[in-house]
Amino acid sequence: MNEQDMIKDKLTELRSEHRDLDDVIARLSERAPFDQLQLQRLKKRKLVLKDQIIQLESRLLPDIIA
């Protein structure tokens, strides 16, 4: 398995976790008395995942000089 395949697999994993967090955050927000601290932690984790996804995507795309 080459580096690009490993990056693609990791991207798939991170995107899946990111989508799952979307669902969890939505369900948590629907309930009236929700834990604000837990919600903040989930949102922070989601942002970290998004940053990781962007980093990996940039490694897959070649640098194009405009």
PDB file of N, CA and C in Angstrom:
ATOM      1  N   MET A   1       0.855  -1.173   0.000  1.00  0.00           N
ATOM      2  CA  MET A   1       0.000   0.000   0.000  1.00  0.00           C
ATOM      3  C   MET A   1       0.904   1.241   0.000  1.00  0.00           C
ATOM      4  N   ASN A   2       0.702   2.110  -0.971  1.00  0.00           N
ATOM      5  CA  ASN A   2       1.559   3.296  -1.043  1.00  0.00           C
ATOM      6  C   ASN A   2       1.018   4.426  -0.162  1.00  0.00           C
ATOM      7  N   GLU A   3       1.768   5.506  -0.108  1.00  0.00           N
ATOM      8  CA  GLU A   3       1.407   6.614   0.784  1.00  0.00           C
ATOM      9  C   GLU A   3       0.066   7.239   0.421  1.00  0.00           C
ATOM     10  N   GLN A   4      -0.205   7.384  -0.872  1.00  0.00           N
ATOM     11  CA  GLN A   4      -1.476   7.983  -1.285  1.00  0.00           C
ATOM     12  C   GLN A   4      -2.665   7.134  -0.869  1.00  0.00           C
ATOM     13  N   ASP A   5      -2.530   5.823  -0.961  1.00  0.00           N
ATOM     14  CA  ASP A   5      -3.613   4.934  -0.528  1.00  0.00           C
ATOM     15  C   ASP A   5      -3.846   5.049   0.977  1.00  0.00           C
ATOM     16  N   MET A   6      -2.758   5.159   1.727  1.00  0.00           N
ATOM     17  CA  MET A   6      -2.896   5.307   3.179  1.00  0.00           C
ATOM     18  C   MET A   6      -3.566   6.635   3.525  1.00  0.00           C
ATOM     19  N   ILE A   7      -3.209   7.680   2.804  1.00  0.00           N
ATOM     20  CA  ILE A   7      -3.832   8.992   3.030  1.00  0.00           C
ATOM     21  C   ILE A   7      -5.317   8.929   2.700  1.00  0.00           C
ATOM     22  N   LYS A   8      -5.663   8.290   1.603  1.00  0.00           N
ATOM     23  CA  LYS A   8      -7.075   8.167   1.207  1.00  0.00           C
ATOM     24  C   LYS A   8      -7.873   7.384   2.251  1.00  0.00           C
ATOM     25  N   ASP A   9      -7.285   6.314   2.774  1.00  0.00           N
ATOM     26  CA  ASP A   9      -7.959   5.534   3.818  1.00  0.00           C
ATOM     27  C   ASP A   9      -8.172   6.371   5.075  1.00  0.00           C
ATOM     28  N   LYS A  10      -7.135   7.122   5.460  1.00  0.00           N
ATOM     29  CA  LYS A  10      -7.247   7.983   6.644  1.00  0.00           C
ATOM     30  C   LYS A  10      -8.305   9.059   6.420  1.00  0.00           C
ATOM     31  N   LEU A  11      -8.346   9.623   5.195  1.00  0.00           N
ATOM     32  CA  LEU A  11      -9.366  10.632   4.877  1.00  0.00           C
ATOM     33  C   LEU A  11     -10.772  10.050   5.012  1.00  0.00           C
ATOM     34  N   THR A  12     -10.959   8.854   4.522  1.00  0.00           N
ATOM     35  CA  THR A  12     -12.266   8.201   4.627  1.00  0.00           C
ATOM     36  C   THR A  12     -12.663   8.040   6.090  1.00  0.00           C
ATOM     37  N   GLU A  13     -11.707   7.621   6.898  1.00  0.00           N
ATOM     38  CA  GLU A  13     -11.952   7.431   8.329  1.00  0.00           C
ATOM     39  C   GLU A  13     -12.304   8.763   9.006  1.00  0.00           C
ATOM     40  N   LEU A  14     -11.534   9.813   8.717  1.00  0.00           N
ATOM     41  CA  LEU A  14     -11.770  11.120   9.337  1.00  0.00           C
ATOM     42  C   LEU A  14     -13.104  11.723   8.892  1.00  0.00           C
ATOM     43  N   ARG A  15     -13.415  11.583   7.628  1.00  0.00           N
ATOM     44  CA  ARG A  15     -14.699  12.116   7.119  1.00  0.00           C
ATOM     45  C   ARG A  15     -15.879  11.410   7.775  1.00  0.00           C
ATOM     46  N   SER A  16     -15.743  10.112   7.960  1.00  0.00           N
ATOM     47  CA  SER A  16     -16.799   9.347   8.621  1.00  0.00           C
ATOM     48  C   SER A  16     -16.994   9.818  10.058  1.00  0.00           C
ATOM     49  N   GLU A  17     -15.898   9.994  10.773  1.00  0.00           N
ATOM     50  CA  GLU A  17     -15.995  10.472  12.158  1.00  0.00           C
ATOM     51  C   GLU A  17     -16.587  11.884  12.198  1.00  0.00           C
ATOM     52  N   HIS A  18     -16.214  12.710  11.227  1.00  0.00           N
ATOM     53  CA  HIS A  18     -16.725  14.088  11.150  1.00  0.00           C
ATOM     54  C   HIS A  18     -18.247  14.070  10.957  1.00  0.00           C
ATOM     55  N   ARG A  19     -18.731  13.210  10.052  1.00  0.00           N
ATOM     56  CA  ARG A  19     -20.177  13.074   9.817  1.00  0.00           C
ATOM     57  C   ARG A  19     -20.887  12.558  11.063  1.00  0.00           C
ATOM     58  N   ASP A  20     -20.274  11.582  11.725  1.00  0.00           N
ATOM     59  CA  ASP A  20     -20.862  11.028  12.943  1.00  0.00           C
ATOM     60  C   ASP A  20     -20.992  12.109  14.020  1.00  0.00           C
ATOM     61  N   LEU A  21     -19.979  12.951  14.138  1.00  0.00           N
ATOM     62  CA  LEU A  21     -20.040  14.038  15.118  1.00  0.00           C
ATOM     63  C   LEU A  21     -21.160  15.014  14.774  1.00  0.00           C
ATOM     64  N   ASP A  22     -21.375  15.258  13.485  1.00  0.00           N
ATOM     65  CA  ASP A  22     -22.499  16.106  13.070  1.00  0.00           C
ATOM     66  C   ASP A  22     -23.806  15.562  13.639  1.00  0.00           C
ATOM     67  N   ASP A  23     -23.998  14.259  13.480  1.00  0.00           N
ATOM     68  CA  ASP A  23     -25.222  13.626  13.963  1.00  0.00           C
ATOM     69  C   ASP A  23     -25.340  13.714  15.482  1.00  0.00           C
ATOM     70  N   VAL A  24     -24.254  13.436  16.171  1.00  0.00           N
ATOM     71  CA  VAL A  24     -24.263  13.462  17.636  1.00  0.00           C
ATOM     72  C   VAL A  24     -24.559  14.876  18.135  1.00  0.00           C
ATOM     73  N   ILE A  25     -23.917  15.866  17.526  1.00  0.00           N
ATOM     74  CA  ILE A  25     -24.137  17.260  17.933  1.00  0.00           C
ATOM     75  C   ILE A  25     -25.585  17.671  17.683  1.00  0.00           C
ATOM     76  N   ALA A  26     -26.131  17.280  16.552  1.00  0.00           N
ATOM     77  CA  ALA A  26     -27.521  17.617  16.236  1.00  0.00           C
ATOM     78  C   ALA A  26     -28.481  16.985  17.243  1.00  0.00           C
ATOM     79  N   ARG A  27     -28.257  15.705  17.550  1.00  0.00           N
ATOM     80  CA  ARG A  27     -29.135  15.031  18.515  1.00  0.00           C
ATOM     81  C   ARG A  27     -28.996  15.614  19.908  1.00  0.00           C
ATOM     82  N   LEU A  28     -27.780  15.947  20.293  1.00  0.00           N
ATOM     83  CA  LEU A  28     -27.540  16.525  21.617  1.00  0.00           C
ATOM     84  C   LEU A  28     -28.210  17.898  21.731  1.00  0.00           C
ATOM     85  N   SER A  29     -28.172  18.666  20.668  1.00  0.00           N
ATOM     86  CA  SER A  29     -28.760  20.008  20.680  1.00  0.00           C
ATOM     87  C   SER A  29     -30.282  19.980  20.715  1.00  0.00           C
ATOM     88  N   GLU A  30     -30.875  18.896  20.229  1.00  0.00           N
ATOM     89  CA  GLU A  30     -32.336  18.789  20.197  1.00  0.00           C
ATOM     90  C   GLU A  30     -32.928  18.610  21.590  1.00  0.00           C
ATOM     91  N   ARG A  31     -32.173  17.955  22.457  1.00  0.00           N
ATOM     92  CA  ARG A  31     -32.678  17.729  23.806  1.00  0.00           C
ATOM     93  C   ARG A  31     -32.589  19.019  24.612  1.00  0.00           C
ATOM     94  N   ALA A  32     -33.641  19.319  25.335  1.00  0.00           N
ATOM     95  CA  ALA A  32     -33.732  20.598  26.051  1.00  0.00           C
ATOM     96  C   ALA A  32     -32.587  20.817  27.044  1.00  0.00           C
ATOM     97  N   PRO A  33     -32.453  20.013  28.074  1.00  0.00           N
ATOM     98  CA  PRO A  33     -31.323  20.268  28.985  1.00  0.00           C
ATOM     99  C   PRO A  33     -30.072  19.518  28.515  1.00  0.00           C
ATOM    100  N   PHE A  34     -29.285  20.141  27.628  1.00  0.00           N
ATOM    101  CA  PHE A  34     -28.097  19.457  27.148  1.00  0.00           C
ATOM    102  C   PHE A  34     -26.841  19.986  27.842  1.00  0.00           C
ATOM    103  N   ASP A  35     -25.837  19.174  27.839  1.00  0.00           N
ATOM    104  CA  ASP A  35     -24.574  19.491  28.496  1.00  0.00           C
ATOM    105  C   ASP A  35     -23.742  20.400  27.592  1.00  0.00           C
ATOM    106  N   GLN A  36     -23.647  21.657  27.960  1.00  0.00           N
ATOM    107  CA  GLN A  36     -22.947  22.649  27.138  1.00  0.00           C
ATOM    108  C   GLN A  36     -21.463  22.308  26.991  1.00  0.00           C
ATOM    109  N   LEU A  37     -20.852  21.816  28.053  1.00  0.00           N
ATOM    110  CA  LEU A  37     -19.434  21.470  28.011  1.00  0.00           C
ATOM    111  C   LEU A  37     -19.186  20.323  27.028  1.00  0.00           C
ATOM    112  N   GLN A  38     -20.036  19.321  27.078  1.00  0.00           N
ATOM    113  CA  GLN A  38     -19.904  18.194  26.159  1.00  0.00           C
ATOM    114  C   GLN A  38     -20.088  18.671  24.720  1.00  0.00           C
ATOM    115  N   LEU A  39     -21.047  19.541  24.494  1.00  0.00           N
ATOM    116  CA  LEU A  39     -21.295  20.071  23.161  1.00  0.00           C
ATOM    117  C   LEU A  39     -20.075  20.846  22.650  1.00  0.00           C
ATOM    118  N   GLN A  40     -19.462  21.640  23.494  1.00  0.00           N
ATOM    119  CA  GLN A  40     -18.262  22.388  23.103  1.00  0.00           C
ATOM    120  C   GLN A  40     -17.107  21.449  22.759  1.00  0.00           C
ATOM    121  N   ARG A  41     -16.949  20.392  23.540  1.00  0.00           N
ATOM    122  CA  ARG A  41     -15.881  19.427  23.275  1.00  0.00           C
ATOM    123  C   ARG A  41     -16.088  18.721  21.935  1.00  0.00           C
ATOM    124  N   LEU A  42     -17.339  18.358  21.663  1.00  0.00           N
ATOM    125  CA  LEU A  42     -17.641  17.697  20.392  1.00  0.00           C
ATOM    126  C   LEU A  42     -17.372  18.636  19.213  1.00  0.00           C
ATOM    127  N   LYS A  43     -17.756  19.887  19.357  1.00  0.00           N
ATOM    128  CA  LYS A  43     -17.525  20.856  18.284  1.00  0.00           C
ATOM    129  C   LYS A  43     -16.036  21.094  18.077  1.00  0.00           C
ATOM    130  N   LYS A  44     -15.288  21.135  19.162  1.00  0.00           N
ATOM    131  CA  LYS A  44     -13.838  21.312  19.054  1.00  0.00           C
ATOM    132  C   LYS A  44     -13.212  20.111  18.349  1.00  0.00           C
ATOM    133  N   ARG A  45     -13.642  18.913  18.709  1.00  0.00           N
ATOM    134  CA  ARG A  45     -13.147  17.700  18.056  1.00  0.00           C
ATOM    135  C   ARG A  45     -13.464  17.735  16.562  1.00  0.00           C
ATOM    136  N   LYS A  46     -14.661  18.219  16.240  1.00  0.00           N
ATOM    137  CA  LYS A  46     -15.077  18.312  14.838  1.00  0.00           C
ATOM    138  C   LYS A  46     -14.170  19.279  14.068  1.00  0.00           C
ATOM    139  N   LEU A  47     -13.802  20.390  14.688  1.00  0.00           N
ATOM    140  CA  LEU A  47     -12.890  21.344  14.052  1.00  0.00           C
ATOM    141  C   LEU A  47     -11.497  20.739  13.854  1.00  0.00           C
ATOM    142  N   VAL A  48     -11.033  19.981  14.841  1.00  0.00           N
ATOM    143  CA  VAL A  48      -9.731  19.329  14.721  1.00  0.00           C
ATOM    144  C   VAL A  48      -9.757  18.340  13.556  1.00  0.00           C
ATOM    145  N   LEU A  49     -10.841  17.593  13.449  1.00  0.00           N
ATOM    146  CA  LEU A  49     -10.976  16.644  12.344  1.00  0.00           C
ATOM    147  C   LEU A  49     -10.963  17.366  11.007  1.00  0.00           C
ATOM    148  N   LYS A  50     -11.676  18.480  10.937  1.00  0.00           N
ATOM    149  CA  LYS A  50     -11.735  19.253   9.697  1.00  0.00           C
ATOM    150  C   LYS A  50     -10.336  19.727   9.300  1.00  0.00           C
ATOM    151  N   ASP A  51      -9.555  20.192  10.271  1.00  0.00           N
ATOM    152  CA  ASP A  51      -8.185  20.618   9.991  1.00  0.00           C
ATOM    153  C   ASP A  51      -7.334  19.448   9.481  1.00  0.00           C
ATOM    154  N   GLN A  52      -7.497  18.301  10.088  1.00  0.00           N
ATOM    155  CA  GLN A  52      -6.745  17.119   9.648  1.00  0.00           C
ATOM    156  C   GLN A  52      -7.141  16.718   8.233  1.00  0.00           C
ATOM    157  N   ILE A  53      -8.428  16.793   7.937  1.00  0.00           N
ATOM    158  CA  ILE A  53      -8.920  16.459   6.599  1.00  0.00           C
ATOM    159  C   ILE A  53      -8.308  17.402   5.564  1.00  0.00           C
ATOM    160  N   ILE A  54      -8.305  18.680   5.873  1.00  0.00           N
ATOM    161  CA  ILE A  54      -7.743  19.674   4.947  1.00  0.00           C
ATOM    162  C   ILE A  54      -6.254  19.421   4.724  1.00  0.00           C
ATOM    163  N   GLN A  55      -5.530  19.109   5.790  1.00  0.00           N
ATOM    164  CA  GLN A  55      -4.096  18.819   5.661  1.00  0.00           C
ATOM    165  C   GLN A  55      -3.843  17.619   4.759  1.00  0.00           C
ATOM    166  N   LEU A  56      -4.604  16.560   4.974  1.00  0.00           N
ATOM    167  CA  LEU A  56      -4.411  15.357   4.167  1.00  0.00           C
ATOM    168  C   LEU A  56      -4.814  15.586   2.712  1.00  0.00           C
ATOM    169  N   GLU A  57      -5.889  16.324   2.502  1.00  0.00           N
ATOM    170  CA  GLU A  57      -6.307  16.628   1.131  1.00  0.00           C
ATOM    171  C   GLU A  57      -5.232  17.432   0.401  1.00  0.00           C
ATOM    172  N   SER A  58      -4.602  18.340   1.112  1.00  0.00           N
ATOM    173  CA  SER A  58      -3.559  19.148   0.477  1.00  0.00           C
ATOM    174  C   SER A  58      -2.335  18.300   0.138  1.00  0.00           C
ATOM    175  N   ARG A  59      -2.105  17.233   0.869  1.00  0.00           N
ATOM    176  CA  ARG A  59      -0.993  16.325   0.556  1.00  0.00           C
ATOM    177  C   ARG A  59      -1.279  15.494  -0.694  1.00  0.00           C
ATOM    178  N   LEU A  60      -2.574  15.269  -0.966  1.00  0.00           N
ATOM    179  CA  LEU A  60      -2.938  14.494  -2.154  1.00  0.00           C
ATOM    180  C   LEU A  60      -2.878  15.324  -3.424  1.00  0.00           C
ATOM    181  N   LEU A  61      -3.175  16.627  -3.288  1.00  0.00           N
ATOM    182  CA  LEU A  61      -3.200  17.494  -4.464  1.00  0.00           C
ATOM    183  C   LEU A  61      -1.828  18.091  -4.696  1.00  0.00           C
ATOM    184  N   PRO A  62      -1.356  18.042  -5.909  1.00  0.00           N
ATOM    185  CA  PRO A  62      -0.041  18.642  -6.177  1.00  0.00           C
ATOM    186  C   PRO A  62      -0.114  20.162  -6.092  1.00  0.00           C
ATOM    187  N   ASP A  63       0.996  20.769  -5.707  1.00  0.00           N
ATOM    188  CA  ASP A  63       1.060  22.228  -5.667  1.00  0.00           C
ATOM    189  C   ASP A  63       1.047  22.757  -7.094  1.00  0.00           C
ATOM    190  N   ILE A  64       0.115  23.658  -7.358  1.00  0.00           N
ATOM    191  CA  ILE A  64      -0.007  24.245  -8.687  1.00  0.00           C
ATOM    192  C   ILE A  64       0.359  25.713  -8.580  1.00  0.00           C
ATOM    193  N   ILE A  65       1.338  26.099  -9.326  1.00  0.00           N
ATOM    194  CA  ILE A  65       1.747  27.498  -9.338  1.00  0.00           C
ATOM    195  C   ILE A  65       0.917  28.225 -10.381  1.00  0.00           C
ATOM    196  N   ALA A  66       0.171  29.219  -9.933  1.00  0.00           N
ATOM    197  CA  ALA A  66      -0.722  29.925 -10.852  1.00  0.00           C
ATOM    198  C   ALA A  66       0.022  30.988 -11.621  1.00  0.00           C
TER     199      ALA A  66
END
